[in-house]
Amino acid sequence: MSSIQGSSTTLSKKPKYSRFTQQELPACKPILSPRLMVTILLGISIIFIPIGLASLSASKNVVEIVSRYDDACVPSEFSDDQRMGFIQDAKTNKTCSMTLIVPKPMKQPIFVYYQLDSFYQNYRRYVKSRNDHQLSSPQNEYRTKSCEPESVNDNNEPIVPCGLIAWSLFNDTFAFSRSSSALLVNKRDISWRSDRTKKFGSDVYPKNFQTSGLIGGAKLNETLPLNDQEDLIVWMRTAALPSFRKLYGKIETDLVANEKITVVIQNNYNTYSFNGKKKVVLSTVTWIGGKNDFLGITYFTVGGTILFLAISFSLLYLIKPRPLGNSSYLSWNKGSSLE
């Protein structure tokens, strides 16, 4: 009994000393003096402002043509309430044409996009209505539970690719010409290479797709594997915002200023049921990508604000300076003493 009491008195909860647990390791502990802060702010502004100006300049050099066609491609005798009936009627002629004028010289490659407004691809049920395992391997064609209601056909056979995303595939088409000569649109390599090689299988073929009574969008070529159907691959990468663009193809011919481009459109895709808008976009690119002033404005605004603060702190320090205290009294300058 006495030995137990003696051993208990020697036990201690005090942790073993180490410089790590006591936070006494060497560390950088700068004193944020006015001069140091002004120097740091000036350095950040010198970096941000040129980046912002360069980004704005690159964005201004992008030549872009945007034309809305969902309203122009419906005959005038159809009212707003009758547009949905027009687009759903298989017997109506949905071919229309429009003329685009090139504002500035456009160097190849010229990227062709279709733009949809008020289309919420980020809706949770819509985003989850797919099965990536089914897209990558034919052994997984029956894994369609997450694809409901577009999981199986009327004969209870699996739909490949299944889900609402694939079912609603965009199916408008564009044909471009100038001076009665066709402008070919290259639709190869418009999707991500990682999607073609990893997500969509080379031995997976469409099956029972768009065969039910309610057709959502485009049909697929059942003789081509999914990794060769790049329109589908582009569409399956869902957008985060309700207004988005997706790549349709590339025109590999230069266009001159004031040139007239004729676009023949097959207006098949139904956006009238939710008051959506459809646009065709032709755009060049620079080192920053497509036209995007937001990034340049953001860099320039942040850099300008920091420059203003640096100048304000400098004037305040020169007009009404405050003496600094003695830094030798700081704890890390006194040295640590162990008891």
C-alpha atoms as a PDB file:
ATOM      1  CA  MET A   1       0.000   0.000   0.000  1.00  0.00           C
ATOM      2  CA  SER A   2       2.813   2.411   0.925  1.00  0.00           C
ATOM      3  CA  SER A   3       4.669   1.680  -2.333  1.00  0.00           C
ATOM      4  CA  ILE A   4       1.570   2.596  -4.337  1.00  0.00           C
ATOM      5  CA  GLN A   5       1.193   5.876  -2.447  1.00  0.00           C
ATOM      6  CA  GLY A   6       4.846   6.699  -2.975  1.00  0.00           C
ATOM      7  CA  SER A   7       4.724   6.119  -6.719  1.00  0.00           C
ATOM      8  CA  SER A   8       1.598   8.253  -7.082  1.00  0.00           C
ATOM      9  CA  THR A   9       3.290  11.248  -5.477  1.00  0.00           C
ATOM     10  CA  THR A  10       6.109  11.177  -8.047  1.00  0.00           C
ATOM     11  CA  LEU A  11       3.718  11.248 -11.027  1.00  0.00           C
ATOM     12  CA  SER A  12       3.229  14.644 -12.648  1.00  0.00           C
ATOM     13  CA  LYS A  13       0.992  15.926 -15.427  1.00  0.00           C
ATOM     14  CA  LYS A  14       3.541  18.494 -16.438  1.00  0.00           C
ATOM     15  CA  PRO A  15       4.513  17.800 -20.078  1.00  0.00           C
ATOM     16  CA  LYS A  16       8.074  17.237 -21.053  1.00  0.00           C
ATOM     17  CA  TYR A  17       9.742  20.466 -22.031  1.00  0.00           C
ATOM     18  CA  SER A  18      10.481  21.066 -25.704  1.00  0.00           C
ATOM     19  CA  ARG A  19      10.973  24.241 -27.679  1.00  0.00           C
ATOM     20  CA  PHE A  20       8.265  23.126 -30.112  1.00  0.00           C
ATOM     21  CA  THR A  21       5.519  22.748 -27.480  1.00  0.00           C
ATOM     22  CA  GLN A  22       6.561  26.002 -25.809  1.00  0.00           C
ATOM     23  CA  GLN A  23       6.590  27.813 -29.185  1.00  0.00           C
ATOM     24  CA  GLU A  24      10.205  28.865 -28.788  1.00  0.00           C
ATOM     25  CA  LEU A  25      11.489  27.730 -32.184  1.00  0.00           C
ATOM     26  CA  PRO A  26      13.270  30.344 -34.331  1.00  0.00           C
ATOM     27  CA  ALA A  27      10.724  32.312 -36.325  1.00  0.00           C
ATOM     28  CA  CYS A  28      10.469  35.417 -38.437  1.00  0.00           C
ATOM     29  CA  LYS A  29       8.840  38.114 -36.310  1.00  0.00           C
ATOM     30  CA  PRO A  30       8.990  41.328 -38.325  1.00  0.00           C
ATOM     31  CA  ILE A  31       8.060  44.646 -36.815  1.00  0.00           C
ATOM     32  CA  LEU A  32       5.460  46.222 -39.083  1.00  0.00           C
ATOM     33  CA  SER A  33       6.846  49.726 -39.156  1.00  0.00           C
ATOM     34  CA  PRO A  34       5.263  52.414 -41.377  1.00  0.00           C
ATOM     35  CA  ARG A  35       8.159  52.242 -43.849  1.00  0.00           C
ATOM     36  CA  LEU A  36       7.895  48.469 -44.150  1.00  0.00           C
ATOM     37  CA  MET A  37       4.136  48.576 -44.678  1.00  0.00           C
ATOM     38  CA  VAL A  38       4.349  51.321 -47.301  1.00  0.00           C
ATOM     39  CA  THR A  39       7.058  49.360 -49.118  1.00  0.00           C
ATOM     40  CA  ILE A  40       4.958  46.184 -49.111  1.00  0.00           C
ATOM     41  CA  LEU A  41       1.852  48.024 -50.358  1.00  0.00           C
ATOM     42  CA  LEU A  42       3.833  49.753 -53.124  1.00  0.00           C
ATOM     43  CA  GLY A  43       5.304  46.400 -54.201  1.00  0.00           C
ATOM     44  CA  ILE A  44       1.863  44.783 -54.430  1.00  0.00           C
ATOM     45  CA  SER A  45       0.433  47.716 -56.401  1.00  0.00           C
ATOM     46  CA  ILE A  46       3.396  47.680 -58.803  1.00  0.00           C
ATOM     47  CA  ILE A  47       2.633  44.007 -59.534  1.00  0.00           C
ATOM     48  CA  PHE A  48      -1.173  44.217 -59.716  1.00  0.00           C
ATOM     49  CA  ILE A  49      -1.630  47.363 -61.822  1.00  0.00           C
ATOM     50  CA  PRO A  50       0.478  46.184 -64.818  1.00  0.00           C
ATOM     51  CA  ILE A  51      -1.237  42.771 -64.730  1.00  0.00           C
ATOM     52  CA  GLY A  52      -4.625  44.492 -64.780  1.00  0.00           C
ATOM     53  CA  LEU A  53      -3.674  46.772 -67.670  1.00  0.00           C
ATOM     54  CA  ALA A  54      -2.200  43.864 -69.650  1.00  0.00           C
ATOM     55  CA  SER A  55      -5.333  41.768 -69.062  1.00  0.00           C
ATOM     56  CA  LEU A  56      -7.613  44.614 -70.158  1.00  0.00           C
ATOM     57  CA  SER A  57      -5.509  45.205 -73.257  1.00  0.00           C
ATOM     58  CA  ALA A  58      -5.645  41.507 -74.174  1.00  0.00           C
ATOM     59  CA  SER A  59      -9.406  41.428 -73.624  1.00  0.00           C
ATOM     60  CA  LYS A  60      -9.895  44.507 -75.816  1.00  0.00           C
ATOM     61  CA  ASN A  61      -7.990  42.798 -78.639  1.00  0.00           C
ATOM     62  CA  VAL A  62     -10.498  39.939 -78.714  1.00  0.00           C
ATOM     63  CA  VAL A  63     -12.907  40.280 -81.628  1.00  0.00           C
ATOM     64  CA  GLU A  64     -16.320  38.934 -80.754  1.00  0.00           C
ATOM     65  CA  ILE A  65     -19.622  38.680 -82.600  1.00  0.00           C
ATOM     66  CA  VAL A  66     -22.723  37.842 -80.552  1.00  0.00           C
ATOM     67  CA  SER A  67     -26.140  37.445 -82.156  1.00  0.00           C
ATOM     68  CA  ARG A  68     -29.376  36.287 -80.559  1.00  0.00           C
ATOM     69  CA  TYR A  69     -31.504  34.084 -82.798  1.00  0.00           C
ATOM     70  CA  ASP A  70     -34.200  32.375 -80.707  1.00  0.00           C
ATOM     71  CA  ASP A  71     -36.661  35.202 -81.360  1.00  0.00           C
ATOM     72  CA  ALA A  72     -35.586  35.886 -84.954  1.00  0.00           C
ATOM     73  CA  CYS A  73     -35.969  32.233 -85.961  1.00  0.00           C
ATOM     74  CA  VAL A  74     -39.676  32.069 -85.130  1.00  0.00           C
ATOM     75  CA  PRO A  75     -42.112  33.343 -87.799  1.00  0.00           C
ATOM     76  CA  SER A  76     -43.777  36.620 -86.904  1.00  0.00           C
ATOM     77  CA  GLU A  77     -47.282  35.111 -87.050  1.00  0.00           C
ATOM     78  CA  PHE A  78     -46.494  33.076 -83.908  1.00  0.00           C
ATOM     79  CA  SER A  79     -47.128  34.961 -80.683  1.00  0.00           C
ATOM     80  CA  ASP A  80     -45.092  34.485 -77.519  1.00  0.00           C
ATOM     81  CA  ASP A  81     -47.606  31.933 -76.249  1.00  0.00           C
ATOM     82  CA  GLN A  82     -47.438  29.957 -79.519  1.00  0.00           C
ATOM     83  CA  ARG A  83     -43.644  29.671 -79.736  1.00  0.00           C
ATOM     84  CA  MET A  84     -43.461  26.496 -77.702  1.00  0.00           C
ATOM     85  CA  GLY A  85     -46.015  24.850 -79.979  1.00  0.00           C
ATOM     86  CA  PHE A  86     -43.954  25.901 -82.981  1.00  0.00           C
ATOM     87  CA  ILE A  87     -40.711  24.407 -81.651  1.00  0.00           C
ATOM     88  CA  GLN A  88     -42.408  21.146 -80.559  1.00  0.00           C
ATOM     89  CA  ASP A  89     -44.165  20.584 -83.883  1.00  0.00           C
ATOM     90  CA  ALA A  90     -42.052  18.218 -85.989  1.00  0.00           C
ATOM     91  CA  LYS A  91     -43.772  19.352 -89.189  1.00  0.00           C
ATOM     92  CA  THR A  92     -42.764  23.024 -89.024  1.00  0.00           C
ATOM     93  CA  ASN A  93     -39.735  24.302 -90.923  1.00  0.00           C
ATOM     94  CA  LYS A  94     -37.250  25.461 -88.321  1.00  0.00           C
ATOM     95  CA  THR A  95     -34.551  26.618 -90.743  1.00  0.00           C
ATOM     96  CA  CYS A  96     -33.656  30.292 -90.601  1.00  0.00           C
ATOM     97  CA  SER A  97     -30.755  32.444 -91.727  1.00  0.00           C
ATOM     98  CA  MET A  98     -29.139  35.601 -90.477  1.00  0.00           C
ATOM     99  CA  THR A  99     -26.246  37.810 -91.533  1.00  0.00           C
ATOM    100  CA  LEU A 100     -23.290  38.679 -89.313  1.00  0.00           C
ATOM    101  CA  ILE A 101     -20.919  41.550 -90.115  1.00  0.00           C
ATOM    102  CA  VAL A 102     -17.293  41.167 -89.056  1.00  0.00           C
ATOM    103  CA  PRO A 103     -16.358  44.362 -87.121  1.00  0.00           C
ATOM    104  CA  LYS A 104     -12.588  43.848 -87.229  1.00  0.00           C
ATOM    105  CA  PRO A 105     -10.184  41.392 -88.867  1.00  0.00           C
ATOM    106  CA  MET A 106     -10.447  38.006 -87.191  1.00  0.00           C
ATOM    107  CA  LYS A 107      -7.457  35.667 -87.302  1.00  0.00           C
ATOM    108  CA  GLN A 108      -7.904  31.929 -87.186  1.00  0.00           C
ATOM    109  CA  PRO A 109      -8.768  29.898 -85.266  1.00  0.00           C
ATOM    110  CA  ILE A 110     -12.174  31.531 -84.777  1.00  0.00           C
ATOM    111  CA  PHE A 111     -14.126  29.766 -82.066  1.00  0.00           C
ATOM    112  CA  VAL A 112     -17.860  29.208 -82.529  1.00  0.00           C
ATOM    113  CA  TYR A 113     -19.946  28.996 -79.372  1.00  0.00           C
ATOM    114  CA  TYR A 114     -23.610  28.647 -78.595  1.00  0.00           C
ATOM    115  CA  GLN A 115     -24.824  30.622 -75.592  1.00  0.00           C
ATOM    116  CA  LEU A 116     -27.836  29.788 -73.450  1.00  0.00           C
ATOM    117  CA  ASP A 117     -29.368  32.193 -70.935  1.00  0.00           C
ATOM    118  CA  SER A 118     -31.666  31.268 -68.024  1.00  0.00           C
ATOM    119  CA  PHE A 119     -30.708  27.586 -68.284  1.00  0.00           C
ATOM    120  CA  TYR A 120     -29.836  26.244 -64.839  1.00  0.00           C
ATOM    121  CA  GLN A 121     -27.478  23.342 -65.452  1.00  0.00           C
ATOM    122  CA  ASN A 122     -26.355  23.644 -61.830  1.00  0.00           C
ATOM    123  CA  TYR A 123     -29.713  22.415 -60.506  1.00  0.00           C
ATOM    124  CA  ARG A 124     -28.884  19.602 -58.073  1.00  0.00           C
ATOM    125  CA  ARG A 125     -31.188  16.932 -59.474  1.00  0.00           C
ATOM    126  CA  TYR A 126     -30.058  17.731 -62.996  1.00  0.00           C
ATOM    127  CA  VAL A 127     -26.342  17.573 -62.137  1.00  0.00           C
ATOM    128  CA  LYS A 128     -26.707  14.219 -60.348  1.00  0.00           C
ATOM    129  CA  SER A 129     -28.712  12.652 -63.194  1.00  0.00           C
ATOM    130  CA  ARG A 130     -25.818  10.768 -64.796  1.00  0.00           C
ATOM    131  CA  ASN A 131     -23.537   7.807 -64.142  1.00  0.00           C
ATOM    132  CA  ASP A 132     -19.846   8.242 -64.875  1.00  0.00           C
ATOM    133  CA  HIS A 133     -19.173   4.509 -64.524  1.00  0.00           C
ATOM    134  CA  GLN A 134     -21.620   3.792 -67.330  1.00  0.00           C
ATOM    135  CA  LEU A 135     -19.920   6.360 -69.578  1.00  0.00           C
ATOM    136  CA  SER A 136     -16.491   4.789 -69.185  1.00  0.00           C
ATOM    137  CA  SER A 137     -17.133   1.036 -69.463  1.00  0.00           C
ATOM    138  CA  PRO A 138     -19.693  -1.155 -71.277  1.00  0.00           C
ATOM    139  CA  GLN A 139     -19.765  -3.511 -68.283  1.00  0.00           C
ATOM    140  CA  ASN A 140     -21.546  -0.786 -66.312  1.00  0.00           C
ATOM    141  CA  GLU A 141     -24.403  -0.067 -68.713  1.00  0.00           C
ATOM    142  CA  TYR A 142     -26.965  -1.286 -66.175  1.00  0.00           C
ATOM    143  CA  ARG A 143     -25.829   1.179 -63.507  1.00  0.00           C
ATOM    144  CA  THR A 144     -28.653   3.633 -64.172  1.00  0.00           C
ATOM    145  CA  LYS A 145     -30.228   4.146 -60.754  1.00  0.00           C
ATOM    146  CA  SER A 146     -28.877   7.698 -60.430  1.00  0.00           C
ATOM    147  CA  CYS A 147     -30.189   8.587 -63.902  1.00  0.00           C
ATOM    148  CA  GLU A 148     -33.909   8.494 -63.199  1.00  0.00           C
ATOM    149  CA  PRO A 149     -36.230   9.370 -64.869  1.00  0.00           C
ATOM    150  CA  GLU A 150     -34.078   8.767 -67.985  1.00  0.00           C
ATOM    151  CA  SER A 151     -32.613   5.449 -66.826  1.00  0.00           C
ATOM    152  CA  VAL A 152     -34.400   2.752 -68.876  1.00  0.00           C
ATOM    153  CA  ASN A 153     -36.659   2.708 -71.922  1.00  0.00           C
ATOM    154  CA  ASP A 154     -40.202   1.373 -72.196  1.00  0.00           C
ATOM    155  CA  ASN A 155     -38.862  -2.189 -72.443  1.00  0.00           C
ATOM    156  CA  ASN A 156     -36.863  -1.788 -69.239  1.00  0.00           C
ATOM    157  CA  GLU A 157     -33.584  -1.744 -71.178  1.00  0.00           C
ATOM    158  CA  PRO A 158     -30.794   0.592 -70.035  1.00  0.00           C
ATOM    159  CA  ILE A 159     -30.324   3.902 -71.799  1.00  0.00           C
ATOM    160  CA  VAL A 160     -26.723   4.712 -72.729  1.00  0.00           C
ATOM    161  CA  PRO A 161     -25.866   7.461 -71.929  1.00  0.00           C
ATOM    162  CA  CYS A 162     -28.495   7.776 -69.253  1.00  0.00           C
ATOM    163  CA  GLY A 163     -29.666  10.785 -67.288  1.00  0.00           C
ATOM    164  CA  LEU A 164     -31.212  14.192 -67.828  1.00  0.00           C
ATOM    165  CA  ILE A 165     -27.960  15.862 -68.854  1.00  0.00           C
ATOM    166  CA  ALA A 166     -27.454  13.644 -71.889  1.00  0.00           C
ATOM    167  CA  TRP A 167     -31.201  13.617 -72.616  1.00  0.00           C
ATOM    168  CA  SER A 168     -31.251  17.431 -72.910  1.00  0.00           C
ATOM    169  CA  LEU A 169     -28.302  17.564 -75.354  1.00  0.00           C
ATOM    170  CA  PHE A 170     -28.269  20.771 -77.401  1.00  0.00           C
ATOM    171  CA  ASN A 171     -29.378  20.091 -80.968  1.00  0.00           C
ATOM    172  CA  ASP A 172     -29.343  23.392 -82.875  1.00  0.00           C
ATOM    173  CA  THR A 173     -26.967  23.401 -85.855  1.00  0.00           C
ATOM    174  CA  PHE A 174     -25.095  26.204 -87.623  1.00  0.00           C
ATOM    175  CA  ALA A 175     -23.754  26.436 -91.172  1.00  0.00           C
ATOM    176  CA  PHE A 176     -21.572  29.412 -92.129  1.00  0.00           C
ATOM    177  CA  SER A 177     -20.800  30.839 -95.547  1.00  0.00           C
ATOM    178  CA  ARG A 178     -19.371  33.967 -97.155  1.00  0.00           C
ATOM    179  CA  SER A 179     -19.758  35.107-100.756  1.00  0.00           C
ATOM    180  CA  SER A 180     -21.555  31.849-101.547  1.00  0.00           C
ATOM    181  CA  SER A 181     -18.575  29.779-100.336  1.00  0.00           C
ATOM    182  CA  ALA A 182     -18.933  27.590 -97.280  1.00  0.00           C
ATOM    183  CA  LEU A 183     -16.929  28.180 -94.124  1.00  0.00           C
ATOM    184  CA  LEU A 184     -16.143  24.763 -92.692  1.00  0.00           C
ATOM    185  CA  VAL A 185     -16.477  24.280 -88.943  1.00  0.00           C
ATOM    186  CA  ASN A 186     -13.968  21.880 -87.424  1.00  0.00           C
ATOM    187  CA  LYS A 187     -15.617  19.978 -84.583  1.00  0.00           C
ATOM    188  CA  ARG A 188     -12.575  17.902 -83.618  1.00  0.00           C
ATOM    189  CA  ASP A 189     -10.728  18.514 -80.343  1.00  0.00           C
ATOM    190  CA  ILE A 190     -13.400  20.835 -78.974  1.00  0.00           C
ATOM    191  CA  SER A 191     -13.638  18.863 -75.713  1.00  0.00           C
ATOM    192  CA  TRP A 192     -11.122  18.265 -72.957  1.00  0.00           C
ATOM    193  CA  ARG A 193      -8.588  15.572 -73.773  1.00  0.00           C
ATOM    194  CA  SER A 194      -8.908  14.152 -70.262  1.00  0.00           C
ATOM    195  CA  ASP A 195     -12.639  13.671 -70.822  1.00  0.00           C
ATOM    196  CA  ARG A 196     -12.078  11.830 -74.108  1.00  0.00           C
ATOM    197  CA  THR A 197      -9.378   9.545 -72.737  1.00  0.00           C
ATOM    198  CA  LYS A 198     -10.637   8.879 -69.190  1.00  0.00           C
ATOM    199  CA  LYS A 199     -14.308   9.723 -68.663  1.00  0.00           C
ATOM    200  CA  PHE A 200     -15.837   8.528 -71.938  1.00  0.00           C
ATOM    201  CA  GLY A 201     -14.970   5.021 -73.080  1.00  0.00           C
ATOM    202  CA  SER A 202     -13.773   4.114 -76.552  1.00  0.00           C
ATOM    203  CA  ASP A 203     -15.833   0.913 -76.393  1.00  0.00           C
ATOM    204  CA  VAL A 204     -19.058   2.444 -75.082  1.00  0.00           C
ATOM    205  CA  TYR A 205     -21.736   3.041 -77.729  1.00  0.00           C
ATOM    206  CA  PRO A 206     -25.122   4.791 -77.457  1.00  0.00           C
ATOM    207  CA  LYS A 207     -28.000   2.455 -76.840  1.00  0.00           C
ATOM    208  CA  ASN A 208     -31.753   3.118 -76.558  1.00  0.00           C
ATOM    209  CA  PHE A 209     -31.014   6.854 -76.548  1.00  0.00           C
ATOM    210  CA  GLN A 210     -33.892   9.270 -77.344  1.00  0.00           C
ATOM    211  CA  THR A 211     -36.202   6.399 -78.315  1.00  0.00           C
ATOM    212  CA  SER A 212     -39.048   7.122 -75.895  1.00  0.00           C
ATOM    213  CA  GLY A 213     -42.035   9.331 -76.622  1.00  0.00           C
ATOM    214  CA  LEU A 214     -40.558  12.496 -75.067  1.00  0.00           C
ATOM    215  CA  ILE A 215     -37.439  13.663 -76.928  1.00  0.00           C
ATOM    216  CA  GLY A 216     -35.241  16.033 -74.966  1.00  0.00           C
ATOM    217  CA  GLY A 217     -32.595  17.088 -77.465  1.00  0.00           C
ATOM    218  CA  ALA A 218     -30.143  15.760 -80.021  1.00  0.00           C
ATOM    219  CA  LYS A 219     -29.795  12.121 -80.999  1.00  0.00           C
ATOM    220  CA  LEU A 220     -26.470  10.295 -81.089  1.00  0.00           C
ATOM    221  CA  ASN A 221     -24.790   8.222 -83.784  1.00  0.00           C
ATOM    222  CA  GLU A 222     -24.949   4.652 -82.485  1.00  0.00           C
ATOM    223  CA  THR A 223     -21.994   3.609 -84.668  1.00  0.00           C
ATOM    224  CA  LEU A 224     -19.576   5.983 -82.914  1.00  0.00           C
ATOM    225  CA  PRO A 225     -18.185   5.427 -79.394  1.00  0.00           C
ATOM    226  CA  LEU A 226     -18.889   8.076 -76.796  1.00  0.00           C
ATOM    227  CA  ASN A 227     -15.323   9.388 -76.771  1.00  0.00           C
ATOM    228  CA  ASP A 228     -15.772  10.405 -80.444  1.00  0.00           C
ATOM    229  CA  GLN A 229     -19.030  12.269 -79.847  1.00  0.00           C
ATOM    230  CA  GLU A 230     -17.536  15.545 -78.732  1.00  0.00           C
ATOM    231  CA  ASP A 231     -20.752  17.569 -78.771  1.00  0.00           C
ATOM    232  CA  LEU A 232     -21.999  15.254 -76.026  1.00  0.00           C
ATOM    233  CA  ILE A 233     -18.731  15.480 -74.089  1.00  0.00           C
ATOM    234  CA  VAL A 234     -18.836  19.287 -74.160  1.00  0.00           C
ATOM    235  CA  TRP A 235     -22.484  19.343 -73.061  1.00  0.00           C
ATOM    236  CA  MET A 236     -21.931  16.874 -70.217  1.00  0.00           C
ATOM    237  CA  ARG A 237     -19.498  19.270 -68.510  1.00  0.00           C
ATOM    238  CA  THR A 238     -22.231  21.246 -66.767  1.00  0.00           C
ATOM    239  CA  ALA A 239     -22.045  25.002 -66.269  1.00  0.00           C
ATOM    240  CA  ALA A 240     -22.054  26.700 -62.872  1.00  0.00           C
ATOM    241  CA  LEU A 241     -24.078  29.761 -63.909  1.00  0.00           C
ATOM    242  CA  PRO A 242     -27.435  30.099 -65.674  1.00  0.00           C
ATOM    243  CA  SER A 243     -25.842  31.986 -68.598  1.00  0.00           C
ATOM    244  CA  PHE A 244     -23.089  29.983 -70.263  1.00  0.00           C
ATOM    245  CA  ARG A 245     -21.315  29.277 -73.531  1.00  0.00           C
ATOM    246  CA  LYS A 246     -20.231  25.950 -74.918  1.00  0.00           C
ATOM    247  CA  LEU A 247     -17.855  25.355 -77.774  1.00  0.00           C
ATOM    248  CA  TYR A 248     -19.521  24.297 -81.019  1.00  0.00           C
ATOM    249  CA  GLY A 249     -16.478  24.213 -83.302  1.00  0.00           C
ATOM    250  CA  LYS A 250     -13.637  26.184 -84.883  1.00  0.00           C
ATOM    251  CA  ILE A 251     -13.457  28.109 -88.157  1.00  0.00           C
ATOM    252  CA  GLU A 252      -9.907  27.779 -89.454  1.00  0.00           C
ATOM    253  CA  THR A 253     -10.072  30.647 -91.945  1.00  0.00           C
ATOM    254  CA  ASP A 254      -9.247  34.331 -91.492  1.00  0.00           C
ATOM    255  CA  LEU A 255     -12.085  36.840 -91.781  1.00  0.00           C
ATOM    256  CA  VAL A 256     -11.622  40.438 -92.931  1.00  0.00           C
ATOM    257  CA  ALA A 257     -13.314  43.544 -91.564  1.00  0.00           C
ATOM    258  CA  ASN A 258     -16.826  44.404 -92.818  1.00  0.00           C
ATOM    259  CA  GLU A 259     -17.181  40.947 -94.350  1.00  0.00           C
ATOM    260  CA  LYS A 260     -20.709  39.529 -94.324  1.00  0.00           C
ATOM    261  CA  ILE A 261     -21.160  36.032 -92.907  1.00  0.00           C
ATOM    262  CA  THR A 262     -24.370  34.137 -93.562  1.00  0.00           C
ATOM    263  CA  VAL A 263     -25.464  31.705 -90.863  1.00  0.00           C
ATOM    264  CA  VAL A 264     -28.077  29.042 -91.601  1.00  0.00           C
ATOM    265  CA  ILE A 265     -29.570  27.815 -88.332  1.00  0.00           C
ATOM    266  CA  GLN A 266     -31.655  24.773 -87.541  1.00  0.00           C
ATOM    267  CA  ASN A 267     -33.669  26.116 -84.610  1.00  0.00           C
ATOM    268  CA  ASN A 268     -34.537  22.847 -82.847  1.00  0.00           C
ATOM    269  CA  TYR A 269     -33.728  23.366 -79.186  1.00  0.00           C
ATOM    270  CA  ASN A 270     -36.647  24.332 -76.956  1.00  0.00           C
ATOM    271  CA  THR A 271     -35.823  27.259 -74.680  1.00  0.00           C
ATOM    272  CA  TYR A 272     -39.251  28.869 -75.042  1.00  0.00           C
ATOM    273  CA  SER A 273     -40.797  26.775 -72.268  1.00  0.00           C
ATOM    274  CA  PHE A 274     -38.630  28.563 -69.662  1.00  0.00           C
ATOM    275  CA  ASN A 275     -38.144  31.927 -71.461  1.00  0.00           C
ATOM    276  CA  GLY A 276     -34.533  31.149 -72.236  1.00  0.00           C
ATOM    277  CA  LYS A 277     -32.415  32.857 -74.864  1.00  0.00           C
ATOM    278  CA  LYS A 278     -30.138  31.392 -77.533  1.00  0.00           C
ATOM    279  CA  LYS A 279     -27.185  33.137 -79.124  1.00  0.00           C
ATOM    280  CA  VAL A 280     -24.466  32.260 -81.594  1.00  0.00           C
ATOM    281  CA  VAL A 281     -21.006  33.621 -80.813  1.00  0.00           C
ATOM    282  CA  LEU A 282     -17.894  33.960 -82.977  1.00  0.00           C
ATOM    283  CA  SER A 283     -14.765  34.910 -81.074  1.00  0.00           C
ATOM    284  CA  THR A 284     -11.005  35.067 -81.377  1.00  0.00           C
ATOM    285  CA  VAL A 285      -8.718  34.442 -78.396  1.00  0.00           C
ATOM    286  CA  THR A 286      -5.586  35.961 -76.915  1.00  0.00           C
ATOM    287  CA  TRP A 287      -3.169  34.782 -74.227  1.00  0.00           C
ATOM    288  CA  ILE A 288      -5.857  35.503 -71.607  1.00  0.00           C
ATOM    289  CA  GLY A 289      -8.498  33.514 -73.488  1.00  0.00           C
ATOM    290  CA  GLY A 290     -11.782  34.980 -74.695  1.00  0.00           C
ATOM    291  CA  LYS A 291     -13.230  38.388 -73.970  1.00  0.00           C
ATOM    292  CA  ASN A 292     -13.235  38.922 -70.217  1.00  0.00           C
ATOM    293  CA  ASP A 293     -12.813  42.408 -68.748  1.00  0.00           C
ATOM    294  CA  PHE A 294     -13.600  41.280 -65.212  1.00  0.00           C
ATOM    295  CA  LEU A 295     -10.145  39.869 -64.446  1.00  0.00           C
ATOM    296  CA  GLY A 296      -8.330  42.985 -65.667  1.00  0.00           C
ATOM    297  CA  ILE A 297     -10.711  45.336 -63.866  1.00  0.00           C
ATOM    298  CA  THR A 298     -10.293  43.349 -60.646  1.00  0.00           C
ATOM    299  CA  TYR A 299      -6.477  43.434 -60.764  1.00  0.00           C
ATOM    300  CA  PHE A 300      -6.443  47.140 -61.648  1.00  0.00           C
ATOM    301  CA  THR A 301      -8.981  48.045 -58.937  1.00  0.00           C
ATOM    302  CA  VAL A 302      -7.132  46.119 -56.221  1.00  0.00           C
ATOM    303  CA  GLY A 303      -3.770  47.538 -57.315  1.00  0.00           C
ATOM    304  CA  GLY A 304      -5.143  51.089 -57.468  1.00  0.00           C
ATOM    305  CA  THR A 305      -6.737  50.772 -54.029  1.00  0.00           C
ATOM    306  CA  ILE A 306      -3.495  49.485 -52.503  1.00  0.00           C
ATOM    307  CA  LEU A 307      -1.534  52.295 -54.184  1.00  0.00           C
ATOM    308  CA  PHE A 308      -3.949  54.840 -52.727  1.00  0.00           C
ATOM    309  CA  LEU A 309      -3.495  53.336 -49.263  1.00  0.00           C
ATOM    310  CA  ALA A 310       0.304  53.388 -49.642  1.00  0.00           C
ATOM    311  CA  ILE A 311       0.268  57.076 -50.596  1.00  0.00           C
ATOM    312  CA  SER A 312      -2.164  57.888 -47.773  1.00  0.00           C
ATOM    313  CA  PHE A 313      -0.019  56.095 -45.165  1.00  0.00           C
ATOM    314  CA  SER A 314       3.105  57.843 -46.480  1.00  0.00           C
ATOM    315  CA  LEU A 315       1.519  61.300 -46.201  1.00  0.00           C
ATOM    316  CA  LEU A 316       0.157  60.480 -42.757  1.00  0.00           C
ATOM    317  CA  TYR A 317       3.595  59.308 -41.624  1.00  0.00           C
ATOM    318  CA  LEU A 318       5.307  62.413 -42.976  1.00  0.00           C
ATOM    319  CA  ILE A 319       2.741  64.921 -41.696  1.00  0.00           C
ATOM    320  CA  LYS A 320       1.998  63.410 -38.307  1.00  0.00           C
ATOM    321  CA  PRO A 321       4.573  60.728 -37.448  1.00  0.00           C
ATOM    322  CA  ARG A 322       4.341  58.554 -34.371  1.00  0.00           C
ATOM    323  CA  PRO A 323       7.567  57.481 -32.610  1.00  0.00           C
ATOM    324  CA  LEU A 324       8.146  53.740 -32.391  1.00  0.00           C
ATOM    325  CA  GLY A 325       8.710  52.047 -29.077  1.00  0.00           C
ATOM    326  CA  ASN A 326      11.926  50.298 -28.097  1.00  0.00           C
ATOM    327  CA  SER A 327      11.857  46.901 -29.817  1.00  0.00           C
ATOM    328  CA  SER A 328      14.327  45.467 -27.329  1.00  0.00           C
ATOM    329  CA  TYR A 329      11.479  45.138 -24.824  1.00  0.00           C
ATOM    330  CA  LEU A 330       9.649  42.657 -27.039  1.00  0.00           C
ATOM    331  CA  SER A 331       9.528  39.181 -25.542  1.00  0.00           C
ATOM    332  CA  TRP A 332      11.367  37.461 -28.405  1.00  0.00           C
ATOM    333  CA  ASN A 333      14.213  39.967 -28.146  1.00  0.00           C
ATOM    334  CA  LYS A 334      14.750  39.431 -24.408  1.00  0.00           C
ATOM    335  CA  GLY A 335      15.834  35.810 -24.738  1.00  0.00           C
ATOM    336  CA  SER A 336      14.130  32.896 -23.022  1.00  0.00           C
ATOM    337  CA  SER A 337      15.015  31.970 -19.481  1.00  0.00           C
ATOM    338  CA  LEU A 338      14.088  28.622 -18.032  1.00  0.00           C
ATOM    339  CA  GLU A 339      13.290  28.259 -14.407  1.00  0.00           C
END
